[in-house]
Amino acid sequence: MPESRPVVLIPTYNTGPILPTTVAAVLATGVPVRVVVDGSTDGSPDLLDPLLAEPRLAVQRIAKNGGKGAAILAGVKEALDEGFTHVLCVDADGQHPADMIPHYFELSRRHPEAAVFGRPIFDASAPALRVNGRKISNFWANLETMGWGIDDSLFGMRLYPAAELLAVFESTCFARRFDFDPEVAVRLAWRGVPILNQPTPVRYLSQEEGGVSQFRYLRDNTLLTWMHARLFVGFIARFPWLALRGENPLLSLSPPAP
């Protein structure tokens, strides 16, 4: 059986003062951490300097902003070169709880063949537009994979088998920006990668708390619409095989959705 040697991967772009707080919280769990600076221009990566004495932390810098997916692609390549087998993606903006990391790592240890997807548990801080709007993407993602088990297509806290994620990147020129999370979810399912869903609290920080968002409603929803149109065409082409292959072999291990 394959082993799991995971690393936490944190892509960041103009995250501001919340960045070192997020990285320090992840480091406190005792895991290796790789930060990928995606062309930040706000000086926030310099705030990590006091943490660089920690041998479990390394920072990779990309000169020009390419998008979340592009940053993760760069990080995955480095992680594989270092001998890591899995990457746990955590957003730099403080939304994802560091204390959930051991749960993801344990699921990966028990099922190294699987991807572990966060299922967000929203609190009152979550904008209703974001909570309800993601239901549209979730519908299409599950249609395009014939119910493979993607509970949330947009939540960014996910643990991936690194080689499988790299293979997905190499199969498409897309999934480099905001379309990364839903597109790789669908393409992993098409590849037959088992998916486990891990309920995970998520908190949207206010501006006063240092919260920052790169989401742009018109731009990113237009990108998602185009993405699902492309994926639906791919689904039609794959339909006979998807209909015959059976269900996600680990589907029953995910907690029931509320």
C-alpha atoms as a PDB file:
ATOM      1  CA  MET A   1       0.000   0.000   0.000  1.00  0.00           C
ATOM      2  CA  PRO A   2       1.356   3.502  -0.781  1.00  0.00           C
ATOM      3  CA  GLU A   3       2.469   5.641   2.147  1.00  0.00           C
ATOM      4  CA  SER A   4       1.472   9.182   3.007  1.00  0.00           C
ATOM      5  CA  ARG A   5       4.155  11.806   3.657  1.00  0.00           C
ATOM      6  CA  PRO A   6       2.154  15.048   3.602  1.00  0.00           C
ATOM      7  CA  VAL A   7       3.127  18.714   3.656  1.00  0.00           C
ATOM      8  CA  VAL A   8       0.947  21.780   4.158  1.00  0.00           C
ATOM      9  CA  LEU A   9       0.952  24.084   1.136  1.00  0.00           C
ATOM     10  CA  ILE A  10      -0.118  27.717   1.602  1.00  0.00           C
ATOM     11  CA  PRO A  11      -0.458  29.850  -1.551  1.00  0.00           C
ATOM     12  CA  THR A  12      -0.557  33.572  -0.868  1.00  0.00           C
ATOM     13  CA  TYR A  13      -1.157  36.751  -2.826  1.00  0.00           C
ATOM     14  CA  ASN A  14      -1.352  40.138  -1.082  1.00  0.00           C
ATOM     15  CA  THR A  15      -2.726  38.585   2.100  1.00  0.00           C
ATOM     16  CA  GLY A  16      -1.509  41.353   4.385  1.00  0.00           C
ATOM     17  CA  PRO A  17      -0.700  41.004   8.099  1.00  0.00           C
ATOM     18  CA  ILE A  18      -2.850  37.874   8.477  1.00  0.00           C
ATOM     19  CA  LEU A  19      -0.230  35.823   6.576  1.00  0.00           C
ATOM     20  CA  PRO A  20       2.310  35.298   9.402  1.00  0.00           C
ATOM     21  CA  THR A  21      -0.533  34.572  11.833  1.00  0.00           C
ATOM     22  CA  THR A  22      -1.846  31.843   9.533  1.00  0.00           C
ATOM     23  CA  VAL A  23       1.598  30.345   8.945  1.00  0.00           C
ATOM     24  CA  ALA A  24       2.489  30.419  12.653  1.00  0.00           C
ATOM     25  CA  ALA A  25      -0.760  28.632  13.535  1.00  0.00           C
ATOM     26  CA  VAL A  26      -0.004  25.878  11.028  1.00  0.00           C
ATOM     27  CA  LEU A  27       3.607  25.543  12.214  1.00  0.00           C
ATOM     28  CA  ALA A  28       2.331  25.152  15.779  1.00  0.00           C
ATOM     29  CA  THR A  29       0.773  21.830  14.771  1.00  0.00           C
ATOM     30  CA  GLY A  30       4.273  20.437  14.161  1.00  0.00           C
ATOM     31  CA  VAL A  31       3.928  19.776  10.426  1.00  0.00           C
ATOM     32  CA  PRO A  32       6.159  20.789   7.501  1.00  0.00           C
ATOM     33  CA  VAL A  33       4.918  23.934   5.753  1.00  0.00           C
ATOM     34  CA  ARG A  34       5.613  25.376   2.317  1.00  0.00           C
ATOM     35  CA  VAL A  35       4.418  28.893   1.466  1.00  0.00           C
ATOM     36  CA  VAL A  36       4.141  29.842  -2.210  1.00  0.00           C
ATOM     37  CA  VAL A  37       4.221  33.609  -2.721  1.00  0.00           C
ATOM     38  CA  ASP A  38       2.292  34.255  -5.929  1.00  0.00           C
ATOM     39  CA  GLY A  39       3.718  37.598  -7.011  1.00  0.00           C
ATOM     40  CA  SER A  40       2.633  39.517  -3.895  1.00  0.00           C
ATOM     41  CA  THR A  41       3.245  43.270  -4.048  1.00  0.00           C
ATOM     42  CA  ASP A  42       2.001  44.305  -0.593  1.00  0.00           C
ATOM     43  CA  GLY A  43       5.123  43.352   1.354  1.00  0.00           C
ATOM     44  CA  SER A  44       3.313  40.644   3.308  1.00  0.00           C
ATOM     45  CA  PRO A  45       5.888  37.904   2.514  1.00  0.00           C
ATOM     46  CA  ASP A  46       8.525  39.945   4.388  1.00  0.00           C
ATOM     47  CA  LEU A  47       6.420  39.489   7.525  1.00  0.00           C
ATOM     48  CA  LEU A  48       7.408  35.809   7.440  1.00  0.00           C
ATOM     49  CA  ASP A  49      11.088  36.611   8.066  1.00  0.00           C
ATOM     50  CA  PRO A  50      10.886  36.012  11.853  1.00  0.00           C
ATOM     51  CA  LEU A  51       9.517  32.519  11.160  1.00  0.00           C
ATOM     52  CA  LEU A  52      12.196  31.456   8.694  1.00  0.00           C
ATOM     53  CA  ALA A  53      14.435  30.121  11.479  1.00  0.00           C
ATOM     54  CA  GLU A  54      11.933  27.273  11.766  1.00  0.00           C
ATOM     55  CA  PRO A  55      13.409  24.389   9.716  1.00  0.00           C
ATOM     56  CA  ARG A  56       9.957  23.028   8.894  1.00  0.00           C
ATOM     57  CA  LEU A  57       9.123  26.193   6.923  1.00  0.00           C
ATOM     58  CA  ALA A  58      10.243  27.043   3.404  1.00  0.00           C
ATOM     59  CA  VAL A  59       9.057  29.901   1.186  1.00  0.00           C
ATOM     60  CA  GLN A  60       8.892  29.690  -2.605  1.00  0.00           C
ATOM     61  CA  ARG A  61       8.549  32.969  -4.499  1.00  0.00           C
ATOM     62  CA  ILE A  62       6.962  33.458  -7.929  1.00  0.00           C
ATOM     63  CA  ALA A  63       7.814  36.782  -9.544  1.00  0.00           C
ATOM     64  CA  LYS A  64       4.502  37.380 -11.348  1.00  0.00           C
ATOM     65  CA  ASN A  65       1.010  36.625 -10.074  1.00  0.00           C
ATOM     66  CA  GLY A  66      -0.451  33.634 -11.895  1.00  0.00           C
ATOM     67  CA  GLY A  67      -3.431  32.677  -9.750  1.00  0.00           C
ATOM     68  CA  LYS A  68      -4.102  30.206  -6.962  1.00  0.00           C
ATOM     69  CA  GLY A  69      -3.920  27.148  -9.190  1.00  0.00           C
ATOM     70  CA  ALA A  70      -0.635  28.250 -10.730  1.00  0.00           C
ATOM     71  CA  ALA A  71       0.845  28.788  -7.262  1.00  0.00           C
ATOM     72  CA  ILE A  72      -0.293  25.361  -6.111  1.00  0.00           C
ATOM     73  CA  LEU A  73       1.123  23.783  -9.262  1.00  0.00           C
ATOM     74  CA  ALA A  74       4.525  25.311  -8.481  1.00  0.00           C
ATOM     75  CA  GLY A  75       4.261  24.124  -4.884  1.00  0.00           C
ATOM     76  CA  VAL A  76       3.253  20.587  -5.857  1.00  0.00           C
ATOM     77  CA  LYS A  77       6.262  20.237  -8.121  1.00  0.00           C
ATOM     78  CA  GLU A  78       8.579  21.340  -5.324  1.00  0.00           C
ATOM     79  CA  ALA A  79       6.847  19.047  -2.826  1.00  0.00           C
ATOM     80  CA  LEU A  80       7.309  16.016  -5.068  1.00  0.00           C
ATOM     81  CA  ASP A  81      10.952  16.920  -5.593  1.00  0.00           C
ATOM     82  CA  GLU A  82      11.377  16.985  -1.798  1.00  0.00           C
ATOM     83  CA  GLY A  83       9.849  13.529  -1.430  1.00  0.00           C
ATOM     84  CA  PHE A  84       6.419  14.496  -0.119  1.00  0.00           C
ATOM     85  CA  THR A  85       3.559  12.326  -1.356  1.00  0.00           C
ATOM     86  CA  HIS A  86       0.549  14.480  -0.420  1.00  0.00           C
ATOM     87  CA  VAL A  87      -0.176  18.201  -0.149  1.00  0.00           C
ATOM     88  CA  LEU A  88      -2.742  19.758   2.173  1.00  0.00           C
ATOM     89  CA  CYS A  89      -3.776  23.115   0.725  1.00  0.00           C
ATOM     90  CA  VAL A  90      -4.646  25.766   3.318  1.00  0.00           C
ATOM     91  CA  ASP A  91      -5.681  29.317   2.448  1.00  0.00           C
ATOM     92  CA  ALA A  92      -3.444  32.100   3.726  1.00  0.00           C
ATOM     93  CA  ASP A  93      -6.325  34.329   4.842  1.00  0.00           C
ATOM     94  CA  GLY A  94      -7.032  32.604   8.159  1.00  0.00           C
ATOM     95  CA  GLN A  95     -10.318  30.984   7.134  1.00  0.00           C
ATOM     96  CA  HIS A  96      -9.130  27.388   7.590  1.00  0.00           C
ATOM     97  CA  PRO A  97      -8.578  26.083  11.133  1.00  0.00           C
ATOM     98  CA  ALA A  98      -5.080  24.759  11.781  1.00  0.00           C
ATOM     99  CA  ASP A  99      -6.374  22.403  14.463  1.00  0.00           C
ATOM    100  CA  MET A 100      -8.088  20.356  11.730  1.00  0.00           C
ATOM    101  CA  ILE A 101      -4.771  19.493  10.064  1.00  0.00           C
ATOM    102  CA  PRO A 102      -4.173  16.322  12.145  1.00  0.00           C
ATOM    103  CA  HIS A 103      -7.587  15.000  11.081  1.00  0.00           C
ATOM    104  CA  TYR A 104      -6.716  15.406   7.391  1.00  0.00           C
ATOM    105  CA  PHE A 105      -3.299  13.819   7.894  1.00  0.00           C
ATOM    106  CA  GLU A 106      -4.805  10.859   9.742  1.00  0.00           C
ATOM    107  CA  LEU A 107      -7.352  10.231   6.987  1.00  0.00           C
ATOM    108  CA  SER A 108      -4.522  10.351   4.465  1.00  0.00           C
ATOM    109  CA  ARG A 109      -2.475   7.909   6.527  1.00  0.00           C
ATOM    110  CA  ARG A 110      -5.388   5.458   6.562  1.00  0.00           C
ATOM    111  CA  HIS A 111      -6.354   6.035   2.918  1.00  0.00           C
ATOM    112  CA  PRO A 112      -3.286   7.319   1.029  1.00  0.00           C
ATOM    113  CA  GLU A 113      -4.975   6.639  -2.298  1.00  0.00           C
ATOM    114  CA  ALA A 114      -7.673   9.219  -1.528  1.00  0.00           C
ATOM    115  CA  ALA A 115      -8.118  12.959  -1.744  1.00  0.00           C
ATOM    116  CA  VAL A 116      -9.600  14.491   1.419  1.00  0.00           C
ATOM    117  CA  PHE A 117     -11.965  17.388   0.677  1.00  0.00           C
ATOM    118  CA  GLY A 118     -13.152  19.805   3.313  1.00  0.00           C
ATOM    119  CA  ARG A 119     -16.898  20.153   3.761  1.00  0.00           C
ATOM    120  CA  PRO A 120     -17.337  23.683   5.146  1.00  0.00           C
ATOM    121  CA  ILE A 121     -19.298  24.300   8.312  1.00  0.00           C
ATOM    122  CA  PHE A 122     -20.277  27.953   8.065  1.00  0.00           C
ATOM    123  CA  ASP A 123     -20.906  30.275  10.978  1.00  0.00           C
ATOM    124  CA  ALA A 124     -22.621  33.664  11.081  1.00  0.00           C
ATOM    125  CA  SER A 125     -19.561  35.348   9.543  1.00  0.00           C
ATOM    126  CA  ALA A 126     -20.144  33.684   6.165  1.00  0.00           C
ATOM    127  CA  PRO A 127     -21.711  35.964   3.513  1.00  0.00           C
ATOM    128  CA  ALA A 128     -25.055  34.524   2.431  1.00  0.00           C
ATOM    129  CA  LEU A 129     -24.225  35.237  -1.216  1.00  0.00           C
ATOM    130  CA  ARG A 130     -21.136  33.023  -1.010  1.00  0.00           C
ATOM    131  CA  VAL A 131     -22.894  30.255   0.942  1.00  0.00           C
ATOM    132  CA  ASN A 132     -25.858  30.026  -1.419  1.00  0.00           C
ATOM    133  CA  GLY A 133     -23.987  30.754  -4.637  1.00  0.00           C
ATOM    134  CA  ARG A 134     -21.661  27.765  -4.230  1.00  0.00           C
ATOM    135  CA  LYS A 135     -24.663  25.435  -4.437  1.00  0.00           C
ATOM    136  CA  ILE A 136     -24.773  26.045  -8.191  1.00  0.00           C
ATOM    137  CA  SER A 137     -21.167  24.926  -8.658  1.00  0.00           C
ATOM    138  CA  ASN A 138     -21.757  21.935  -6.369  1.00  0.00           C
ATOM    139  CA  PHE A 139     -24.720  20.843  -8.492  1.00  0.00           C
ATOM    140  CA  TRP A 140     -22.706  20.945 -11.700  1.00  0.00           C
ATOM    141  CA  ALA A 141     -19.667  19.261 -10.189  1.00  0.00           C
ATOM    142  CA  ASN A 142     -21.757  16.336  -8.989  1.00  0.00           C
ATOM    143  CA  LEU A 143     -23.563  16.084 -12.314  1.00  0.00           C
ATOM    144  CA  GLU A 144     -20.255  16.099 -14.207  1.00  0.00           C
ATOM    145  CA  THR A 145     -18.905  13.294 -11.994  1.00  0.00           C
ATOM    146  CA  MET A 146     -22.156  11.308 -11.663  1.00  0.00           C
ATOM    147  CA  GLY A 147     -22.255  11.718  -7.894  1.00  0.00           C
ATOM    148  CA  TRP A 148     -18.660  10.677  -7.175  1.00  0.00           C
ATOM    149  CA  GLY A 149     -18.894  12.422  -3.792  1.00  0.00           C
ATOM    150  CA  ILE A 150     -17.804  16.060  -4.026  1.00  0.00           C
ATOM    151  CA  ASP A 151     -19.644  17.621  -1.088  1.00  0.00           C
ATOM    152  CA  ASP A 152     -18.233  21.079  -1.767  1.00  0.00           C
ATOM    153  CA  SER A 153     -16.571  22.020  -5.032  1.00  0.00           C
ATOM    154  CA  LEU A 154     -15.164  25.380  -3.900  1.00  0.00           C
ATOM    155  CA  PHE A 155     -13.793  24.888  -0.386  1.00  0.00           C
ATOM    156  CA  GLY A 156     -10.025  25.277  -0.493  1.00  0.00           C
ATOM    157  CA  MET A 157      -8.870  23.164   2.468  1.00  0.00           C
ATOM    158  CA  ARG A 158      -8.076  19.875   0.753  1.00  0.00           C
ATOM    159  CA  LEU A 159      -5.462  17.155   0.908  1.00  0.00           C
ATOM    160  CA  TYR A 160      -4.411  15.772  -2.473  1.00  0.00           C
ATOM    161  CA  PRO A 161      -2.226  12.858  -3.554  1.00  0.00           C
ATOM    162  CA  ALA A 162       0.487  15.016  -5.090  1.00  0.00           C
ATOM    163  CA  ALA A 163       1.217  12.837  -8.131  1.00  0.00           C
ATOM    164  CA  GLU A 164      -2.485  12.663  -9.022  1.00  0.00           C
ATOM    165  CA  LEU A 165      -2.866  16.420  -8.660  1.00  0.00           C
ATOM    166  CA  LEU A 166       0.140  17.015 -10.897  1.00  0.00           C
ATOM    167  CA  ALA A 167      -1.332  14.633 -13.490  1.00  0.00           C
ATOM    168  CA  VAL A 168      -4.553  16.675 -13.450  1.00  0.00           C
ATOM    169  CA  PHE A 169      -2.621  19.888 -13.999  1.00  0.00           C
ATOM    170  CA  GLU A 170      -0.764  18.301 -16.898  1.00  0.00           C
ATOM    171  CA  SER A 171      -4.062  17.237 -18.490  1.00  0.00           C
ATOM    172  CA  THR A 172      -5.398  20.800 -18.850  1.00  0.00           C
ATOM    173  CA  CYS A 173      -4.185  24.346 -19.426  1.00  0.00           C
ATOM    174  CA  PHE A 174      -6.989  25.602 -17.174  1.00  0.00           C
ATOM    175  CA  ALA A 175      -7.456  25.394 -13.353  1.00  0.00           C
ATOM    176  CA  ARG A 176      -4.792  28.052 -12.768  1.00  0.00           C
ATOM    177  CA  ARG A 177      -6.920  30.737 -11.127  1.00  0.00           C
ATOM    178  CA  PHE A 178     -10.221  30.790  -9.214  1.00  0.00           C
ATOM    179  CA  ASP A 179     -11.348  27.792 -11.266  1.00  0.00           C
ATOM    180  CA  PHE A 180      -8.686  25.628  -9.574  1.00  0.00           C
ATOM    181  CA  ASP A 181     -10.745  24.074  -6.765  1.00  0.00           C
ATOM    182  CA  PRO A 182     -13.830  22.932  -8.727  1.00  0.00           C
ATOM    183  CA  GLU A 183     -11.959  21.936 -11.882  1.00  0.00           C
ATOM    184  CA  VAL A 184      -9.396  19.714 -10.170  1.00  0.00           C
ATOM    185  CA  ALA A 185     -12.174  18.171  -8.071  1.00  0.00           C
ATOM    186  CA  VAL A 186     -14.026  17.094 -11.204  1.00  0.00           C
ATOM    187  CA  ARG A 187     -10.892  15.932 -13.008  1.00  0.00           C
ATOM    188  CA  LEU A 188      -9.693  13.903 -10.016  1.00  0.00           C
ATOM    189  CA  ALA A 189     -13.076  12.194  -9.945  1.00  0.00           C
ATOM    190  CA  TRP A 190     -12.814  11.474 -13.669  1.00  0.00           C
ATOM    191  CA  ARG A 191      -9.450   9.836 -12.947  1.00  0.00           C
ATOM    192  CA  GLY A 192     -11.135   7.608 -10.363  1.00  0.00           C
ATOM    193  CA  VAL A 193      -9.335   9.074  -7.349  1.00  0.00           C
ATOM    194  CA  PRO A 194     -11.412   8.223  -4.242  1.00  0.00           C
ATOM    195  CA  ILE A 195     -12.697  11.252  -2.343  1.00  0.00           C
ATOM    196  CA  LEU A 196     -13.315  11.520   1.398  1.00  0.00           C
ATOM    197  CA  ASN A 197     -15.158  14.506   2.845  1.00  0.00           C
ATOM    198  CA  GLN A 198     -14.053  16.041   6.148  1.00  0.00           C
ATOM    199  CA  PRO A 199     -16.470  18.467   7.855  1.00  0.00           C
ATOM    200  CA  THR A 200     -14.427  21.575   8.655  1.00  0.00           C
ATOM    201  CA  PRO A 201     -15.381  24.857  10.347  1.00  0.00           C
ATOM    202  CA  VAL A 202     -14.695  27.956   8.272  1.00  0.00           C
ATOM    203  CA  ARG A 203     -14.611  31.532   9.447  1.00  0.00           C
ATOM    204  CA  TYR A 204     -14.708  34.677   7.315  1.00  0.00           C
ATOM    205  CA  LEU A 205     -12.570  37.271   9.064  1.00  0.00           C
ATOM    206  CA  SER A 206     -13.697  40.892   9.024  1.00  0.00           C
ATOM    207  CA  GLN A 207     -11.454  43.659   7.701  1.00  0.00           C
ATOM    208  CA  GLU A 208     -10.837  44.720  11.301  1.00  0.00           C
ATOM    209  CA  GLU A 209      -9.532  41.209  12.016  1.00  0.00           C
ATOM    210  CA  GLY A 210      -7.209  41.353   9.013  1.00  0.00           C
ATOM    211  CA  GLY A 211      -9.485  39.458   6.647  1.00  0.00           C
ATOM    212  CA  VAL A 212      -8.849  39.882   2.928  1.00  0.00           C
ATOM    213  CA  SER A 213     -10.523  38.394  -0.133  1.00  0.00           C
ATOM    214  CA  GLN A 214      -9.381  38.210  -3.736  1.00  0.00           C
ATOM    215  CA  PHE A 215     -12.866  37.084  -4.880  1.00  0.00           C
ATOM    216  CA  ARG A 216     -14.429  39.292  -7.546  1.00  0.00           C
ATOM    217  CA  TYR A 217     -18.088  38.473  -8.106  1.00  0.00           C
ATOM    218  CA  LEU A 218     -18.487  39.148 -11.844  1.00  0.00           C
ATOM    219  CA  ARG A 219     -14.994  38.063 -12.934  1.00  0.00           C
ATOM    220  CA  ASP A 220     -14.890  34.830 -10.943  1.00  0.00           C
ATOM    221  CA  ASN A 221     -18.481  33.749 -11.589  1.00  0.00           C
ATOM    222  CA  THR A 222     -17.909  34.294 -15.309  1.00  0.00           C
ATOM    223  CA  LEU A 223     -14.819  32.091 -15.036  1.00  0.00           C
ATOM    224  CA  LEU A 224     -16.808  29.387 -13.217  1.00  0.00           C
ATOM    225  CA  THR A 225     -19.591  29.483 -15.802  1.00  0.00           C
ATOM    226  CA  TRP A 226     -17.109  28.983 -18.634  1.00  0.00           C
ATOM    227  CA  MET A 227     -15.365  26.246 -16.664  1.00  0.00           C
ATOM    228  CA  HIS A 228     -18.536  24.227 -16.085  1.00  0.00           C
ATOM    229  CA  ALA A 229     -19.499  24.612 -19.747  1.00  0.00           C
ATOM    230  CA  ARG A 230     -16.143  23.071 -20.693  1.00  0.00           C
ATOM    231  CA  LEU A 231     -16.404  20.342 -18.095  1.00  0.00           C
ATOM    232  CA  PHE A 232     -19.918  19.440 -19.169  1.00  0.00           C
ATOM    233  CA  VAL A 233     -18.664  18.799 -22.694  1.00  0.00           C
ATOM    234  CA  GLY A 234     -15.942  16.610 -21.181  1.00  0.00           C
ATOM    235  CA  PHE A 235     -18.556  14.808 -19.120  1.00  0.00           C
ATOM    236  CA  ILE A 236     -20.631  13.990 -22.202  1.00  0.00           C
ATOM    237  CA  ALA A 237     -17.573  12.534 -23.905  1.00  0.00           C
ATOM    238  CA  ARG A 238     -16.792  10.401 -20.824  1.00  0.00           C
ATOM    239  CA  PHE A 239     -20.374   9.447 -20.002  1.00  0.00           C
ATOM    240  CA  PRO A 240     -20.301   5.794 -21.156  1.00  0.00           C
ATOM    241  CA  TRP A 241     -17.191   5.041 -19.094  1.00  0.00           C
ATOM    242  CA  LEU A 242     -18.413   7.005 -16.061  1.00  0.00           C
ATOM    243  CA  ALA A 243     -21.734   5.155 -16.165  1.00  0.00           C
ATOM    244  CA  LEU A 244     -20.023   1.761 -16.111  1.00  0.00           C
ATOM    245  CA  ARG A 245     -17.208   2.244 -13.602  1.00  0.00           C
ATOM    246  CA  GLY A 246     -19.230   2.208 -10.373  1.00  0.00           C
ATOM    247  CA  GLU A 247     -19.218   4.631  -7.437  1.00  0.00           C
ATOM    248  CA  ASN A 248     -16.484   6.179  -5.383  1.00  0.00           C
ATOM    249  CA  PRO A 249     -15.122   3.201  -3.367  1.00  0.00           C
ATOM    250  CA  LEU A 250     -14.803   5.305  -0.207  1.00  0.00           C
ATOM    251  CA  LEU A 251     -18.139   7.089  -0.519  1.00  0.00           C
ATOM    252  CA  SER A 252     -19.635   5.376   2.525  1.00  0.00           C
ATOM    253  CA  LEU A 253     -16.779   6.588   4.775  1.00  0.00           C
ATOM    254  CA  SER A 254     -17.687  10.261   4.495  1.00  0.00           C
ATOM    255  CA  PRO A 255     -20.031  11.568   7.208  1.00  0.00           C
ATOM    256  CA  PRO A 256     -23.568  12.105   5.908  1.00  0.00           C
ATOM    257  CA  ALA A 257     -24.171  15.596   4.589  1.00  0.00           C
ATOM    258  CA  PRO A 258     -26.653  17.650   6.697  1.00  0.00           C
END
